[in-house]
Amino acid sequence: MARNSRSGGGKGAVAAARRPEVRLPPLVPYDGEGLEPDGDYDGVRFEGTDLTDESGPGARFMDCALEGCALDRTELVRARFMDSVLTGVRGVGTDLAGASLRDVEVVDARLGGVQLHGAVLERVHVRGGKIDYLNLRTARLTDVVFEGCVLSEPDFGDAQLVRVEFRDCVLKRADFTSARMESVDLRTASELDIARGVERLAGAVISPVQLMELAPAFAAQIGVRVEA
């Protein structure tokens, strides 16, 4: 399909991320009884639900919608989200370590200190909103798009990024230490501020303007002094 070859498939073309196509079935309202470890939620709508301090490690969410939910300190370690949409979720300290997100849309999230280290993200679209201190260390991201959002101090340390796009989004003080990249498109990021790991951009594509902005960091990495 055309969307998977943005540069027309020519030499040096960047493989574009495959986006999720979530089509939710008719949903049933969440019964409000609280999350359960290894709980199974299929076709459930969580609307304005306060999940603060709830614990559902290993829970499975399939064909679900989470709308305007509070996720402060919600424990969802090793949870699985499939064919689901999270809209307007908010919270600090949400723990999704080791979670799996496949065919998921995250829209206008307002989150801080989200733990996604060791997680697996496949065909995930993060659109709008702001996420502070996103921890994606050792995570695997395949076909992931960050679009129109603000990522403040995201940590991609030791992560693997394959066909990941940063479109019209702001990256502030990003950490790419020991990250591995393949077909990562940074060209349309509205702000690209890399705190650590600029030497790990092999496998990424940047624009000429971004190259000039990153030139001091590249020079410092190879020990070049630039003086007038």
Foldseek 3Di string as FASTA:
>chain_A
DCQQFVPRPDPPTFGAFDAFDFDADQADEDPLPAADAQAEAERYEAALAENAPTEHANHEYESYEYENYEQALYHHDQYEYYSYEYEAYEYENREHDQHEYERYEYYAYHYENYHHDNYEYGNYEYEAHEYEAAEHAQYEYGRYEDENYEYAAYEDHNYEYENYEDACYAYHQYEHHNYAAASYEDAHHPYDHHNYDPVRCVRYDYDPVVCVVCVVVVCVVVVHDDDD
